Every structure is written in C-alpha cells, then in structure tokens.
Amino acid sequence: MEYIYRPEGVCSTEMIFDIEDNEIKSFKAINGCNGNLKGISSLITGMSIDDVIAKLNGIKCGFRDTSCPDQIAKALEQYKSSK
C-alpha cells in the first residue's frame, strides 16, 4: 500500500512509503538531503514499522526539534493510527 506523508519542519516536502504486512517495502523522499535520504531508504527497506519508529523517533537536525528521520517515525506512527 502506498502511503504519502507531508513532513513538517524539515527540507523534505513529501515522503512516499510502500508498506505491506507492517513492513517497509520502499521509501522515497522528495527534496531534502539526497544522499542521506537514499541511505535511510536503503536501511529501513525490509524493516518493520515498529522497528523503524523505535530507531528514528526523536532524532533532531541541528537546531531544529525534528529531522527527516524523526519525520519518518512520525509518518509511520500516523500510518499505524489510521489503520
């Protein structure tokens, strides 16, 4: 299932997940730090939603209260609550 999230407080403007049976099948971010987000995508592909949330929740970017990894966790939390 494709799930689209619009993050707040970060450079990324859209996050696109393919989720199947509580597992991340693919992840793509629009805008943001290209190399870092490709790396994150590679790392979280194949992981369960709960594991990704546990690892990425609360990570900050510089002076910001959030980051792209934190927004990924928030997106997945929102996805879970909408099911």
C-alpha atoms as a PDB file:
ATOM      1  CA  MET A   1       0.000   0.000   0.000  1.00  0.00           C
ATOM      2  CA  GLU A   2       1.350   3.412  -0.900  1.00  0.00           C
ATOM      3  CA  TYR A   3       1.298   5.935   1.940  1.00  0.00           C
ATOM      4  CA  ILE A   4       2.189   9.591   1.353  1.00  0.00           C
ATOM      5  CA  TYR A   5       3.192  11.908   4.181  1.00  0.00           C
ATOM      6  CA  ARG A   6       3.961  15.630   4.091  1.00  0.00           C
ATOM      7  CA  PRO A   7       6.613  16.297   6.729  1.00  0.00           C
ATOM      8  CA  GLU A   8       6.847  19.480   8.787  1.00  0.00           C
ATOM      9  CA  GLY A   9       9.912  21.410   9.904  1.00  0.00           C
ATOM     10  CA  VAL A  10      12.378  19.731   7.523  1.00  0.00           C
ATOM     11  CA  CYS A  11      13.699  20.222   3.983  1.00  0.00           C
ATOM     12  CA  SER A  12      11.819  17.215   2.598  1.00  0.00           C
ATOM     13  CA  THR A  13       8.421  18.102   1.171  1.00  0.00           C
ATOM     14  CA  GLU A  14       6.953  14.637   0.694  1.00  0.00           C
ATOM     15  CA  MET A  15       7.672  11.112   1.874  1.00  0.00           C
ATOM     16  CA  ILE A  16       6.345   8.133  -0.042  1.00  0.00           C
ATOM     17  CA  PHE A  17       6.198   4.712   1.594  1.00  0.00           C
ATOM     18  CA  ASP A  18       5.228   1.333   0.184  1.00  0.00           C
ATOM     19  CA  ILE A  19       4.047  -0.707   3.162  1.00  0.00           C
ATOM     20  CA  GLU A  20       2.955  -4.314   3.121  1.00  0.00           C
ATOM     21  CA  ASP A  21       2.180  -6.522   6.133  1.00  0.00           C
ATOM     22  CA  ASN A  22       3.682  -3.996   8.591  1.00  0.00           C
ATOM     23  CA  GLU A  23       6.959  -3.930   6.611  1.00  0.00           C
ATOM     24  CA  ILE A  24       8.559  -1.090   4.664  1.00  0.00           C
ATOM     25  CA  LYS A  25       8.922  -2.320   1.079  1.00  0.00           C
ATOM     26  CA  SER A  26      10.283   1.010  -0.213  1.00  0.00           C
ATOM     27  CA  PHE A  27      10.744   4.630   0.839  1.00  0.00           C
ATOM     28  CA  LYS A  28      11.370   7.762  -1.183  1.00  0.00           C
ATOM     29  CA  ALA A  29      11.653  11.388  -0.072  1.00  0.00           C
ATOM     30  CA  ILE A  30      11.118  14.413  -2.278  1.00  0.00           C
ATOM     31  CA  ASN A  31      13.690  17.169  -1.655  1.00  0.00           C
ATOM     32  CA  GLY A  32      15.909  17.132   1.425  1.00  0.00           C
ATOM     33  CA  CYS A  33      19.457  15.774   1.692  1.00  0.00           C
ATOM     34  CA  ASN A  34      19.519  13.411  -1.269  1.00  0.00           C
ATOM     35  CA  GLY A  35      22.374  11.131  -0.221  1.00  0.00           C
ATOM     36  CA  ASN A  36      21.296  10.867   3.406  1.00  0.00           C
ATOM     37  CA  LEU A  37      17.707  10.081   2.487  1.00  0.00           C
ATOM     38  CA  LYS A  38      18.782   7.448  -0.044  1.00  0.00           C
ATOM     39  CA  GLY A  39      20.899   5.896   2.709  1.00  0.00           C
ATOM     40  CA  ILE A  40      17.995   5.939   5.159  1.00  0.00           C
ATOM     41  CA  SER A  41      15.777   4.382   2.488  1.00  0.00           C
ATOM     42  CA  SER A  42      18.263   1.570   1.992  1.00  0.00           C
ATOM     43  CA  LEU A  43      18.497   0.966   5.740  1.00  0.00           C
ATOM     44  CA  ILE A  44      14.756   0.922   6.515  1.00  0.00           C
ATOM     45  CA  THR A  45      13.662  -1.131   3.497  1.00  0.00           C
ATOM     46  CA  GLY A  46      12.673  -4.560   4.794  1.00  0.00           C
ATOM     47  CA  MET A  47      12.261  -3.365   8.392  1.00  0.00           C
ATOM     48  CA  SER A  48       9.053  -3.487  10.380  1.00  0.00           C
ATOM     49  CA  ILE A  49       7.209  -0.247  11.050  1.00  0.00           C
ATOM     50  CA  ASP A  50       7.708  -0.611  14.810  1.00  0.00           C
ATOM     51  CA  ASP A  51      11.473  -1.124  14.484  1.00  0.00           C
ATOM     52  CA  VAL A  52      11.831   1.963  12.288  1.00  0.00           C
ATOM     53  CA  ILE A  53       9.815   4.079  14.725  1.00  0.00           C
ATOM     54  CA  ALA A  54      11.926   2.853  17.662  1.00  0.00           C
ATOM     55  CA  LYS A  55      15.197   3.684  15.897  1.00  0.00           C
ATOM     56  CA  LEU A  56      14.314   7.059  14.345  1.00  0.00           C
ATOM     57  CA  ASN A  57      11.902   8.703  16.778  1.00  0.00           C
ATOM     58  CA  GLY A  58      13.244  11.851  18.415  1.00  0.00           C
ATOM     59  CA  ILE A  59      16.334  12.424  16.230  1.00  0.00           C
ATOM     60  CA  LYS A  60      16.999  16.145  15.778  1.00  0.00           C
ATOM     61  CA  CYS A  61      18.669  18.049  12.927  1.00  0.00           C
ATOM     62  CA  GLY A  62      20.927  20.834  14.155  1.00  0.00           C
ATOM     63  CA  PHE A  63      18.867  23.459  15.955  1.00  0.00           C
ATOM     64  CA  ARG A  64      15.539  22.000  14.775  1.00  0.00           C
ATOM     65  CA  ASP A  65      13.301  19.997  17.085  1.00  0.00           C
ATOM     66  CA  THR A  66      12.836  17.372  14.371  1.00  0.00           C
ATOM     67  CA  SER A  67      14.658  15.817  11.414  1.00  0.00           C
ATOM     68  CA  CYS A  68      13.867  13.744   8.351  1.00  0.00           C
ATOM     69  CA  PRO A  69      14.416  10.520  10.340  1.00  0.00           C
ATOM     70  CA  ASP A  70      12.105  11.831  13.098  1.00  0.00           C
ATOM     71  CA  GLN A  71       9.512  12.758  10.472  1.00  0.00           C
ATOM     72  CA  ILE A  72       9.718   9.228   9.053  1.00  0.00           C
ATOM     73  CA  ALA A  73       8.900   7.914  12.536  1.00  0.00           C
ATOM     74  CA  LYS A  74       6.011  10.391  12.841  1.00  0.00           C
ATOM     75  CA  ALA A  75       4.702   9.369   9.411  1.00  0.00           C
ATOM     76  CA  LEU A  76       4.724   5.717  10.405  1.00  0.00           C
ATOM     77  CA  GLU A  77       3.024   6.470  13.724  1.00  0.00           C
ATOM     78  CA  GLN A  78       0.315   8.349  11.811  1.00  0.00           C
ATOM     79  CA  TYR A  79       0.008   5.453   9.365  1.00  0.00           C
ATOM     80  CA  LYS A  80      -0.467   2.985  12.235  1.00  0.00           C
ATOM     81  CA  SER A  81      -3.109   5.150  13.910  1.00  0.00           C
ATOM     82  CA  SER A  82      -5.073   5.477  10.651  1.00  0.00           C
ATOM     83  CA  LYS A  83      -5.443   1.706  10.231  1.00  0.00           C
END
